[in-house]
């Protein structure tokens, strides 16, 4: 994760230092350094091959990245504006790292963990400046996936959160704020979806290949354009409510029970676009244009995937 984050910043012209926090002999460190640069250069090749980054900046991007043992870092600490911790998911290791580095950082520097397991409030205990500390959950591969889930802690200042959001946007990421809840947003949703796909295999509903085909060309295409809650509004909370109840009754499984928020929308009548209000509120004058724009996005994506022949040819 750290290497992907480093490449992301380096591609945007920032100088980045990767700190190795593990005790190693000089020979072991040189092997690690060589392997790290080989991996980063391989990732950069992917970006260049995909015309995301120009071949002409390859050397500069690599030169923007330095790797150093933590005990003799090649860094001017006064110039550091953000530190991302990406060590293994062990609290004692994270504690050692923050206790070692935080006293060296300038007061205005932001500090962030990238933990996918621990609460930001637990890790914040290791930081000196708790107002400038938060969690930033990057999704692998970090140099490709735009989303970063940002969780402020109980003591994170609004100014620090805003600054982190701006930094991430500046390097081309799409940051979203979420509370320090286990699983954040994406891992929590995808855990349910992946478990359900595995159950479909167990229950002989379809082959592995057909399940993946369905998820790519049905599920994937829909939610590349529409957010999950936006999709509920599009089709109507009533559709989800009745489908959930049917699945619960037919499969005898409470996991399909509609949540309270959907039941509340059924009672209030705020079920989505058809009533002009659901999770979102829809203005009458904008609704038709919104539907057209959304459907054109579907067409553009499907064309990109090769589904439509040009009828004019």
C-alpha atoms as a PDB file:
ATOM      1  CA  UNK A   1       0.000   0.000   0.000  1.00  0.00           C
ATOM      2  CA  UNK A   2       2.799   2.413   0.896  1.00  0.00           C
ATOM      3  CA  UNK A   3       4.471   1.919  -2.466  1.00  0.00           C
ATOM      4  CA  UNK A   4       1.213   2.599  -4.327  1.00  0.00           C
ATOM      5  CA  UNK A   5       0.637   5.767  -2.302  1.00  0.00           C
ATOM      6  CA  UNK A   6       4.219   6.879  -2.987  1.00  0.00           C
ATOM      7  CA  UNK A   7       3.769   6.385  -6.731  1.00  0.00           C
ATOM      8  CA  UNK A   8       0.495   8.336  -6.690  1.00  0.00           C
ATOM      9  CA  UNK A   9       2.151  11.384  -5.139  1.00  0.00           C
ATOM     10  CA  UNK A  10       5.313  11.053  -7.238  1.00  0.00           C
ATOM     11  CA  UNK A  11       3.275  11.065 -10.465  1.00  0.00           C
ATOM     12  CA  UNK A  12       1.825  14.411  -9.365  1.00  0.00           C
ATOM     13  CA  UNK A  13       5.288  15.897  -8.919  1.00  0.00           C
ATOM     14  CA  UNK A  14       5.688  15.469  -5.164  1.00  0.00           C
ATOM     15  CA  UNK A  15       8.907  14.244  -3.553  1.00  0.00           C
ATOM     16  CA  UNK A  16       8.148  11.166  -1.469  1.00  0.00           C
ATOM     17  CA  UNK A  17      10.137   9.259   1.129  1.00  0.00           C
ATOM     18  CA  UNK A  18       9.346   5.625   1.876  1.00  0.00           C
ATOM     19  CA  UNK A  19      10.598   4.767   5.370  1.00  0.00           C
ATOM     20  CA  UNK A  20      11.517   1.165   6.153  1.00  0.00           C
ATOM     21  CA  UNK A  21      10.661   0.616   9.820  1.00  0.00           C
ATOM     22  CA  UNK A  22      11.999  -2.918  10.154  1.00  0.00           C
ATOM     23  CA  UNK A  23      15.466  -3.599  11.580  1.00  0.00           C
ATOM     24  CA  UNK A  24      17.660  -4.983   8.783  1.00  0.00           C
ATOM     25  CA  UNK A  25      21.283  -5.356   7.900  1.00  0.00           C
ATOM     26  CA  UNK A  26      22.542  -3.022   5.187  1.00  0.00           C
ATOM     27  CA  UNK A  27      22.509  -5.914   2.720  1.00  0.00           C
ATOM     28  CA  UNK A  28      18.899  -6.778   3.602  1.00  0.00           C
ATOM     29  CA  UNK A  29      17.869  -3.136   3.171  1.00  0.00           C
ATOM     30  CA  UNK A  30      19.504  -2.914  -0.272  1.00  0.00           C
ATOM     31  CA  UNK A  31      17.562  -6.006  -1.359  1.00  0.00           C
ATOM     32  CA  UNK A  32      14.320  -4.463  -0.043  1.00  0.00           C
ATOM     33  CA  UNK A  33      15.099  -1.182  -1.803  1.00  0.00           C
ATOM     34  CA  UNK A  34      15.769  -2.944  -5.094  1.00  0.00           C
ATOM     35  CA  UNK A  35      12.572  -4.982  -4.843  1.00  0.00           C
ATOM     36  CA  UNK A  36      10.510  -1.908  -3.926  1.00  0.00           C
ATOM     37  CA  UNK A  37      11.754   0.099  -6.905  1.00  0.00           C
ATOM     38  CA  UNK A  38      11.201  -2.879  -9.188  1.00  0.00           C
ATOM     39  CA  UNK A  39       7.570  -3.073  -8.015  1.00  0.00           C
ATOM     40  CA  UNK A  40       7.066   0.704  -8.338  1.00  0.00           C
ATOM     41  CA  UNK A  41       8.576   0.729 -11.822  1.00  0.00           C
ATOM     42  CA  UNK A  42       6.258  -2.127 -12.790  1.00  0.00           C
ATOM     43  CA  UNK A  43       3.270  -0.118 -11.567  1.00  0.00           C
ATOM     44  CA  UNK A  44       4.537   2.917 -13.465  1.00  0.00           C
ATOM     45  CA  UNK A  45       4.811   0.776 -16.617  1.00  0.00           C
ATOM     46  CA  UNK A  46       1.107  -0.016 -16.231  1.00  0.00           C
ATOM     47  CA  UNK A  47       0.266   3.697 -16.045  1.00  0.00           C
ATOM     48  CA  UNK A  48       2.463   4.526 -19.034  1.00  0.00           C
ATOM     49  CA  UNK A  49       1.069   1.622 -21.051  1.00  0.00           C
ATOM     50  CA  UNK A  50      -2.442   2.862 -20.302  1.00  0.00           C
ATOM     51  CA  UNK A  51      -1.554   6.399 -21.437  1.00  0.00           C
ATOM     52  CA  UNK A  52      -2.178   7.732 -17.924  1.00  0.00           C
ATOM     53  CA  UNK A  53       1.410   8.917 -17.499  1.00  0.00           C
ATOM     54  CA  UNK A  54       3.787  10.001 -20.268  1.00  0.00           C
ATOM     55  CA  UNK A  55       6.950   8.025 -20.945  1.00  0.00           C
ATOM     56  CA  UNK A  56       8.806  11.333 -20.909  1.00  0.00           C
ATOM     57  CA  UNK A  57       8.302  11.747 -17.140  1.00  0.00           C
ATOM     58  CA  UNK A  58       9.324   8.202 -16.149  1.00  0.00           C
ATOM     59  CA  UNK A  59      12.754   9.200 -14.866  1.00  0.00           C
ATOM     60  CA  UNK A  60      11.398  12.204 -12.964  1.00  0.00           C
ATOM     61  CA  UNK A  61       8.666  10.146 -11.286  1.00  0.00           C
ATOM     62  CA  UNK A  62      11.210   7.559 -10.102  1.00  0.00           C
ATOM     63  CA  UNK A  63      13.574  10.304  -8.951  1.00  0.00           C
ATOM     64  CA  UNK A  64      10.738  11.750  -6.861  1.00  0.00           C
ATOM     65  CA  UNK A  65      10.787   8.618  -4.672  1.00  0.00           C
ATOM     66  CA  UNK A  66      13.437   7.863  -2.070  1.00  0.00           C
ATOM     67  CA  UNK A  67      13.619   4.842   0.218  1.00  0.00           C
ATOM     68  CA  UNK A  68      15.433   4.996   3.513  1.00  0.00           C
ATOM     69  CA  UNK A  69      15.802   3.048   6.771  1.00  0.00           C
ATOM     70  CA  UNK A  70      13.952   4.806   9.561  1.00  0.00           C
ATOM     71  CA  UNK A  71      17.077   5.161  11.704  1.00  0.00           C
ATOM     72  CA  UNK A  72      18.871   7.271   9.067  1.00  0.00           C
ATOM     73  CA  UNK A  73      16.169   8.931   6.988  1.00  0.00           C
ATOM     74  CA  UNK A  74      17.175  11.062   4.025  1.00  0.00           C
ATOM     75  CA  UNK A  75      14.632  13.768   4.793  1.00  0.00           C
ATOM     76  CA  UNK A  76      14.330  17.354   5.951  1.00  0.00           C
ATOM     77  CA  UNK A  77      11.549  16.933   8.484  1.00  0.00           C
ATOM     78  CA  UNK A  78      10.544  20.597   8.314  1.00  0.00           C
ATOM     79  CA  UNK A  79       9.388  20.021   4.708  1.00  0.00           C
ATOM     80  CA  UNK A  80       7.059  17.109   5.526  1.00  0.00           C
ATOM     81  CA  UNK A  81       3.379  18.081   5.192  1.00  0.00           C
ATOM     82  CA  UNK A  82       1.733  14.659   5.500  1.00  0.00           C
ATOM     83  CA  UNK A  83       2.736  11.247   6.834  1.00  0.00           C
ATOM     84  CA  UNK A  84       0.897   8.059   5.850  1.00  0.00           C
ATOM     85  CA  UNK A  85       1.517   5.004   8.030  1.00  0.00           C
ATOM     86  CA  UNK A  86       1.139   1.721   6.133  1.00  0.00           C
ATOM     87  CA  UNK A  87       2.838  -0.842   8.368  1.00  0.00           C
ATOM     88  CA  UNK A  88       1.375  -4.318   9.123  1.00  0.00           C
ATOM     89  CA  UNK A  89      -1.887  -4.504  11.073  1.00  0.00           C
ATOM     90  CA  UNK A  90      -0.266  -4.855  14.496  1.00  0.00           C
ATOM     91  CA  UNK A  91      -1.025  -2.182  17.085  1.00  0.00           C
ATOM     92  CA  UNK A  92       2.348  -2.515  18.801  1.00  0.00           C
ATOM     93  CA  UNK A  93       4.147  -1.926  15.483  1.00  0.00           C
ATOM     94  CA  UNK A  94       1.991   1.125  14.714  1.00  0.00           C
ATOM     95  CA  UNK A  95       2.652   2.440  18.223  1.00  0.00           C
ATOM     96  CA  UNK A  96       6.411   2.137  17.772  1.00  0.00           C
ATOM     97  CA  UNK A  97       6.298   3.882  14.387  1.00  0.00           C
ATOM     98  CA  UNK A  98       4.229   6.865  15.533  1.00  0.00           C
ATOM     99  CA  UNK A  99       6.186   7.281  18.765  1.00  0.00           C
ATOM    100  CA  UNK A 100       9.380   7.338  16.737  1.00  0.00           C
ATOM    101  CA  UNK A 101       8.329   9.665  13.913  1.00  0.00           C
ATOM    102  CA  UNK A 102       5.753  12.061  15.400  1.00  0.00           C
ATOM    103  CA  UNK A 103       8.286  14.025  17.511  1.00  0.00           C
ATOM    104  CA  UNK A 104      10.238  14.783  14.321  1.00  0.00           C
ATOM    105  CA  UNK A 105       7.301  16.164  12.321  1.00  0.00           C
ATOM    106  CA  UNK A 106       6.544  19.882  12.003  1.00  0.00           C
ATOM    107  CA  UNK A 107       3.510  21.023  13.985  1.00  0.00           C
ATOM    108  CA  UNK A 108       1.363  21.648  10.889  1.00  0.00           C
ATOM    109  CA  UNK A 109       1.999  18.214   9.353  1.00  0.00           C
ATOM    110  CA  UNK A 110      -0.946  15.821   9.064  1.00  0.00           C
ATOM    111  CA  UNK A 111      -0.585  12.211  10.166  1.00  0.00           C
ATOM    112  CA  UNK A 112      -2.726   9.346   8.935  1.00  0.00           C
ATOM    113  CA  UNK A 113      -2.938   5.617   9.324  1.00  0.00           C
ATOM    114  CA  UNK A 114      -4.096   3.436   6.443  1.00  0.00           C
ATOM    115  CA  UNK A 115      -5.430   0.701   8.714  1.00  0.00           C
ATOM    116  CA  UNK A 116      -8.304  -1.394   7.425  1.00  0.00           C
ATOM    117  CA  UNK A 117      -8.806  -3.110  10.791  1.00  0.00           C
ATOM    118  CA  UNK A 118      -8.469  -0.785  13.758  1.00  0.00           C
ATOM    119  CA  UNK A 119     -10.581   2.157  14.868  1.00  0.00           C
ATOM    120  CA  UNK A 120      -8.986   5.509  14.122  1.00  0.00           C
ATOM    121  CA  UNK A 121      -9.496   6.442  17.787  1.00  0.00           C
ATOM    122  CA  UNK A 122      -7.383   3.492  18.927  1.00  0.00           C
ATOM    123  CA  UNK A 123      -4.508   4.354  16.595  1.00  0.00           C
ATOM    124  CA  UNK A 124      -4.815   8.088  17.382  1.00  0.00           C
ATOM    125  CA  UNK A 125      -3.619   7.330  20.901  1.00  0.00           C
ATOM    126  CA  UNK A 126      -0.140   6.879  19.435  1.00  0.00           C
ATOM    127  CA  UNK A 127      -0.050  10.281  17.710  1.00  0.00           C
ATOM    128  CA  UNK A 128       1.276  13.429  19.373  1.00  0.00           C
ATOM    129  CA  UNK A 129      -1.073  15.775  17.493  1.00  0.00           C
ATOM    130  CA  UNK A 130      -4.453  14.102  17.735  1.00  0.00           C
ATOM    131  CA  UNK A 131      -6.169  17.077  16.078  1.00  0.00           C
ATOM    132  CA  UNK A 132      -4.137  16.468  12.917  1.00  0.00           C
ATOM    133  CA  UNK A 133      -4.570  12.678  12.936  1.00  0.00           C
ATOM    134  CA  UNK A 134      -7.094  10.602  10.973  1.00  0.00           C
ATOM    135  CA  UNK A 135      -7.393   7.354   9.062  1.00  0.00           C
ATOM    136  CA  UNK A 136      -7.171   7.233   5.268  1.00  0.00           C
ATOM    137  CA  UNK A 137      -8.304   3.902   3.892  1.00  0.00           C
ATOM    138  CA  UNK A 138      -6.869   3.538   0.384  1.00  0.00           C
ATOM    139  CA  UNK A 139      -8.135   0.729  -1.852  1.00  0.00           C
ATOM    140  CA  UNK A 140      -5.668  -1.489  -3.688  1.00  0.00           C
ATOM    141  CA  UNK A 141      -4.170  -0.893  -6.125  1.00  0.00           C
ATOM    142  CA  UNK A 142      -3.668   2.506  -4.498  1.00  0.00           C
ATOM    143  CA  UNK A 143      -2.105   4.075  -7.590  1.00  0.00           C
ATOM    144  CA  UNK A 144      -5.219   3.218  -9.673  1.00  0.00           C
ATOM    145  CA  UNK A 145      -8.354   3.216  -7.507  1.00  0.00           C
ATOM    146  CA  UNK A 146      -9.603   6.815  -7.061  1.00  0.00           C
ATOM    147  CA  UNK A 147     -11.490   6.319  -3.794  1.00  0.00           C
ATOM    148  CA  UNK A 148      -9.961   7.040  -0.374  1.00  0.00           C
ATOM    149  CA  UNK A 149     -12.215   6.591   2.671  1.00  0.00           C
ATOM    150  CA  UNK A 150     -11.251   9.195   5.292  1.00  0.00           C
ATOM    151  CA  UNK A 151     -12.228   8.617   8.927  1.00  0.00           C
ATOM    152  CA  UNK A 152     -11.641  11.497  11.345  1.00  0.00           C
ATOM    153  CA  UNK A 153     -11.153  10.553  14.975  1.00  0.00           C
ATOM    154  CA  UNK A 154     -12.944  12.020  17.962  1.00  0.00           C
ATOM    155  CA  UNK A 155     -10.236  14.683  18.300  1.00  0.00           C
ATOM    156  CA  UNK A 156      -9.540  15.369  14.600  1.00  0.00           C
ATOM    157  CA  UNK A 157     -10.038  19.052  13.869  1.00  0.00           C
ATOM    158  CA  UNK A 158     -12.341  20.140  11.019  1.00  0.00           C
ATOM    159  CA  UNK A 159      -9.432  22.159   9.589  1.00  0.00           C
ATOM    160  CA  UNK A 160      -7.176  19.093   9.459  1.00  0.00           C
ATOM    161  CA  UNK A 161      -9.919  17.006   7.832  1.00  0.00           C
ATOM    162  CA  UNK A 162     -10.516  19.695   5.204  1.00  0.00           C
ATOM    163  CA  UNK A 163      -6.792  19.940   4.512  1.00  0.00           C
ATOM    164  CA  UNK A 164      -6.500  16.157   4.025  1.00  0.00           C
ATOM    165  CA  UNK A 165      -9.465  16.148   1.656  1.00  0.00           C
ATOM    166  CA  UNK A 166      -7.819  18.920  -0.374  1.00  0.00           C
ATOM    167  CA  UNK A 167      -4.492  17.064  -0.513  1.00  0.00           C
ATOM    168  CA  UNK A 168      -6.168  13.904  -1.778  1.00  0.00           C
ATOM    169  CA  UNK A 169      -8.211  15.804  -4.361  1.00  0.00           C
ATOM    170  CA  UNK A 170      -5.029  17.569  -5.524  1.00  0.00           C
ATOM    171  CA  UNK A 171      -3.448  14.225  -6.438  1.00  0.00           C
ATOM    172  CA  UNK A 172      -6.555  13.087  -8.327  1.00  0.00           C
ATOM    173  CA  UNK A 173      -8.243  11.000  -5.643  1.00  0.00           C
ATOM    174  CA  UNK A 174     -11.921  10.987  -4.641  1.00  0.00           C
ATOM    175  CA  UNK A 175     -12.025  11.221  -0.833  1.00  0.00           C
ATOM    176  CA  UNK A 176     -15.194  10.438   1.107  1.00  0.00           C
ATOM    177  CA  UNK A 177     -15.728  10.952   4.824  1.00  0.00           C
ATOM    178  CA  UNK A 178     -16.984   8.128   7.013  1.00  0.00           C
ATOM    179  CA  UNK A 179     -17.181   7.449  10.736  1.00  0.00           C
ATOM    180  CA  UNK A 180     -14.730   4.984  12.313  1.00  0.00           C
ATOM    181  CA  UNK A 181     -17.052   2.040  11.743  1.00  0.00           C
ATOM    182  CA  UNK A 182     -15.673  -1.471  11.137  1.00  0.00           C
ATOM    183  CA  UNK A 183     -15.444  -2.142   7.401  1.00  0.00           C
ATOM    184  CA  UNK A 184     -15.767   1.529   6.444  1.00  0.00           C
ATOM    185  CA  UNK A 185     -18.005   1.791   3.331  1.00  0.00           C
ATOM    186  CA  UNK A 186     -16.664  -0.257   0.429  1.00  0.00           C
ATOM    187  CA  UNK A 187     -15.274  -3.282   2.337  1.00  0.00           C
ATOM    188  CA  UNK A 188     -18.523  -3.582   4.281  1.00  0.00           C
ATOM    189  CA  UNK A 189     -20.646  -3.583   1.124  1.00  0.00           C
ATOM    190  CA  UNK A 190     -18.323  -5.807  -0.878  1.00  0.00           C
ATOM    191  CA  UNK A 191     -18.059  -8.364   1.948  1.00  0.00           C
ATOM    192  CA  UNK A 192     -21.827  -8.920   1.724  1.00  0.00           C
ATOM    193  CA  UNK A 193     -21.762  -9.109  -2.077  1.00  0.00           C
ATOM    194  CA  UNK A 194     -18.813 -11.525  -2.219  1.00  0.00           C
ATOM    195  CA  UNK A 195     -20.273 -13.764   0.482  1.00  0.00           C
ATOM    196  CA  UNK A 196     -23.576 -13.891  -1.419  1.00  0.00           C
ATOM    197  CA  UNK A 197     -21.738 -14.815  -4.643  1.00  0.00           C
ATOM    198  CA  UNK A 198     -20.023 -17.665  -2.804  1.00  0.00           C
ATOM    199  CA  UNK A 199     -23.401 -18.833  -1.458  1.00  0.00           C
ATOM    200  CA  UNK A 200     -24.775 -18.901  -5.016  1.00  0.00           C
ATOM    201  CA  UNK A 201     -21.999 -21.369  -5.886  1.00  0.00           C
ATOM    202  CA  UNK A 202     -22.711 -23.439  -2.757  1.00  0.00           C
ATOM    203  CA  UNK A 203     -26.407 -23.580  -3.625  1.00  0.00           C
ATOM    204  CA  UNK A 204     -25.741 -24.550  -7.266  1.00  0.00           C
ATOM    205  CA  UNK A 205     -27.683 -21.515  -8.500  1.00  0.00           C
ATOM    206  CA  UNK A 206     -25.223 -20.967 -11.349  1.00  0.00           C
ATOM    207  CA  UNK A 207     -21.679 -21.762 -12.396  1.00  0.00           C
ATOM    208  CA  UNK A 208     -18.725 -19.736 -11.124  1.00  0.00           C
ATOM    209  CA  UNK A 209     -18.239 -18.323 -14.624  1.00  0.00           C
ATOM    210  CA  UNK A 210     -21.884 -17.302 -15.050  1.00  0.00           C
ATOM    211  CA  UNK A 211     -22.039 -15.695 -11.601  1.00  0.00           C
ATOM    212  CA  UNK A 212     -18.987 -13.607 -12.445  1.00  0.00           C
ATOM    213  CA  UNK A 213     -20.407 -12.791 -15.870  1.00  0.00           C
ATOM    214  CA  UNK A 214     -23.635 -11.623 -14.238  1.00  0.00           C
ATOM    215  CA  UNK A 215     -21.802  -9.537 -11.646  1.00  0.00           C
ATOM    216  CA  UNK A 216     -19.625  -7.856 -14.291  1.00  0.00           C
ATOM    217  CA  UNK A 217     -22.270  -7.092 -16.899  1.00  0.00           C
ATOM    218  CA  UNK A 218     -25.287  -6.571 -14.646  1.00  0.00           C
ATOM    219  CA  UNK A 219     -24.160  -5.514 -11.200  1.00  0.00           C
ATOM    220  CA  UNK A 220     -20.871  -3.903 -12.238  1.00  0.00           C
ATOM    221  CA  UNK A 221     -22.170  -1.796 -15.118  1.00  0.00           C
ATOM    222  CA  UNK A 222     -25.117  -0.489 -13.112  1.00  0.00           C
ATOM    223  CA  UNK A 223     -23.018   0.580 -10.154  1.00  0.00           C
ATOM    224  CA  UNK A 224     -20.256   2.076 -12.240  1.00  0.00           C
ATOM    225  CA  UNK A 225     -22.839   4.731 -13.137  1.00  0.00           C
ATOM    226  CA  UNK A 226     -25.262   4.844 -10.200  1.00  0.00           C
ATOM    227  CA  UNK A 227     -24.469   4.788  -6.492  1.00  0.00           C
ATOM    228  CA  UNK A 228     -26.253   2.105  -4.488  1.00  0.00           C
ATOM    229  CA  UNK A 229     -28.608   4.535  -2.755  1.00  0.00           C
ATOM    230  CA  UNK A 230     -29.109   6.435  -5.995  1.00  0.00           C
ATOM    231  CA  UNK A 231     -30.085   3.125  -7.622  1.00  0.00           C
ATOM    232  CA  UNK A 232     -32.666   2.490  -4.882  1.00  0.00           C
ATOM    233  CA  UNK A 233     -34.215   5.878  -5.680  1.00  0.00           C
ATOM    234  CA  UNK A 234     -34.070   5.112  -9.414  1.00  0.00           C
ATOM    235  CA  UNK A 235     -36.041   1.883  -9.124  1.00  0.00           C
ATOM    236  CA  UNK A 236     -37.962   2.787  -5.989  1.00  0.00           C
ATOM    237  CA  UNK A 237     -37.588   1.739  -2.368  1.00  0.00           C
ATOM    238  CA  UNK A 238     -40.849  -0.159  -2.806  1.00  0.00           C
ATOM    239  CA  UNK A 239     -39.157  -2.453  -5.318  1.00  0.00           C
ATOM    240  CA  UNK A 240     -36.357  -3.229  -2.862  1.00  0.00           C
ATOM    241  CA  UNK A 241     -38.843  -3.639  -0.009  1.00  0.00           C
ATOM    242  CA  UNK A 242     -40.992  -6.187  -1.822  1.00  0.00           C
ATOM    243  CA  UNK A 243     -37.983  -8.016  -3.296  1.00  0.00           C
ATOM    244  CA  UNK A 244     -36.336  -8.231   0.121  1.00  0.00           C
ATOM    245  CA  UNK A 245     -39.462  -9.632   1.745  1.00  0.00           C
ATOM    246  CA  UNK A 246     -39.943 -12.146  -1.065  1.00  0.00           C
ATOM    247  CA  UNK A 247     -36.345 -13.372  -0.786  1.00  0.00           C
ATOM    248  CA  UNK A 248     -36.605 -13.598   2.989  1.00  0.00           C
ATOM    249  CA  UNK A 249     -39.778 -15.699   2.745  1.00  0.00           C
ATOM    250  CA  UNK A 250     -38.612 -17.860  -0.169  1.00  0.00           C
ATOM    251  CA  UNK A 251     -35.086 -18.534   1.099  1.00  0.00           C
ATOM    252  CA  UNK A 252     -36.071 -18.541   4.784  1.00  0.00           C
ATOM    253  CA  UNK A 253     -33.195 -16.199   5.634  1.00  0.00           C
ATOM    254  CA  UNK A 254     -33.329 -12.985   7.655  1.00  0.00           C
ATOM    255  CA  UNK A 255     -30.326 -11.529   5.822  1.00  0.00           C
ATOM    256  CA  UNK A 256     -32.713 -10.335   3.095  1.00  0.00           C
ATOM    257  CA  UNK A 257     -35.018  -8.478   5.524  1.00  0.00           C
ATOM    258  CA  UNK A 258     -35.395  -4.850   4.409  1.00  0.00           C
ATOM    259  CA  UNK A 259     -33.664  -2.470   6.859  1.00  0.00           C
ATOM    260  CA  UNK A 260     -35.556   0.055   8.959  1.00  0.00           C
ATOM    261  CA  UNK A 261     -34.644   2.927   6.619  1.00  0.00           C
ATOM    262  CA  UNK A 262     -36.448   1.205   3.735  1.00  0.00           C
ATOM    263  CA  UNK A 263     -39.478   0.400   5.893  1.00  0.00           C
ATOM    264  CA  UNK A 264     -39.584   4.048   6.984  1.00  0.00           C
ATOM    265  CA  UNK A 265     -39.599   5.190   3.349  1.00  0.00           C
ATOM    266  CA  UNK A 266     -42.502   2.865   2.609  1.00  0.00           C
ATOM    267  CA  UNK A 267     -44.457   4.417   5.480  1.00  0.00           C
ATOM    268  CA  UNK A 268     -43.620   8.004   4.522  1.00  0.00           C
ATOM    269  CA  UNK A 269     -44.164   7.435   0.804  1.00  0.00           C
ATOM    270  CA  UNK A 270     -40.729   8.851   0.002  1.00  0.00           C
ATOM    271  CA  UNK A 271     -39.687   5.951  -2.197  1.00  0.00           C
ATOM    272  CA  UNK A 272     -37.532   7.667  -4.825  1.00  0.00           C
ATOM    273  CA  UNK A 273     -37.808   9.375  -8.187  1.00  0.00           C
ATOM    274  CA  UNK A 274     -41.450   8.446  -8.719  1.00  0.00           C
ATOM    275  CA  UNK A 275     -42.399  10.496  -5.620  1.00  0.00           C
ATOM    276  CA  UNK A 276     -39.643  13.107  -6.154  1.00  0.00           C
ATOM    277  CA  UNK A 277     -38.015  12.149  -2.847  1.00  0.00           C
ATOM    278  CA  UNK A 278     -36.117   9.178  -1.496  1.00  0.00           C
ATOM    279  CA  UNK A 279     -32.564   9.176  -0.223  1.00  0.00           C
ATOM    280  CA  UNK A 280     -32.205  12.142  -2.595  1.00  0.00           C
ATOM    281  CA  UNK A 281     -34.670  14.907  -3.434  1.00  0.00           C
ATOM    282  CA  UNK A 282     -35.533  15.382  -7.107  1.00  0.00           C
ATOM    283  CA  UNK A 283     -36.708  18.693  -8.547  1.00  0.00           C
ATOM    284  CA  UNK A 284     -39.358  18.281 -11.234  1.00  0.00           C
ATOM    285  CA  UNK A 285     -37.562  20.518 -13.730  1.00  0.00           C
ATOM    286  CA  UNK A 286     -34.287  18.573 -13.411  1.00  0.00           C
ATOM    287  CA  UNK A 287     -35.629  15.025 -13.292  1.00  0.00           C
ATOM    288  CA  UNK A 288     -35.985  14.370 -17.033  1.00  0.00           C
ATOM    289  CA  UNK A 289     -32.528  15.783 -17.767  1.00  0.00           C
ATOM    290  CA  UNK A 290     -31.016  13.717 -14.938  1.00  0.00           C
ATOM    291  CA  UNK A 291     -32.556  10.538 -16.349  1.00  0.00           C
ATOM    292  CA  UNK A 292     -31.280  11.334 -19.863  1.00  0.00           C
ATOM    293  CA  UNK A 293     -27.756  12.088 -18.649  1.00  0.00           C
ATOM    294  CA  UNK A 294     -27.661   8.874 -16.632  1.00  0.00           C
ATOM    295  CA  UNK A 295     -28.849   6.722 -19.530  1.00  0.00           C
ATOM    296  CA  UNK A 296     -26.294   8.336 -21.855  1.00  0.00           C
ATOM    297  CA  UNK A 297     -23.581   7.409 -19.341  1.00  0.00           C
ATOM    298  CA  UNK A 298     -24.761   3.795 -19.580  1.00  0.00           C
ATOM    299  CA  UNK A 299     -24.599   3.993 -23.381  1.00  0.00           C
ATOM    300  CA  UNK A 300     -21.093   5.469 -23.309  1.00  0.00           C
ATOM    301  CA  UNK A 301     -19.864   2.742 -20.953  1.00  0.00           C
ATOM    302  CA  UNK A 302     -21.479  -0.034 -22.987  1.00  0.00           C
ATOM    303  CA  UNK A 303     -19.958   1.360 -26.184  1.00  0.00           C
ATOM    304  CA  UNK A 304     -16.551   1.402 -24.494  1.00  0.00           C
ATOM    305  CA  UNK A 305     -17.053  -2.261 -23.595  1.00  0.00           C
ATOM    306  CA  UNK A 306     -17.894  -3.041 -27.223  1.00  0.00           C
ATOM    307  CA  UNK A 307     -21.590  -3.801 -26.860  1.00  0.00           C
ATOM    308  CA  UNK A 308     -22.981  -1.509 -29.517  1.00  0.00           C
ATOM    309  CA  UNK A 309     -22.045  -1.470 -33.177  1.00  0.00           C
ATOM    310  CA  UNK A 310     -22.128   1.909 -34.864  1.00  0.00           C
ATOM    311  CA  UNK A 311     -25.508   1.843 -36.631  1.00  0.00           C
ATOM    312  CA  UNK A 312     -24.306   4.549 -39.008  1.00  0.00           C
ATOM    313  CA  UNK A 313     -21.662   2.314 -40.600  1.00  0.00           C
END
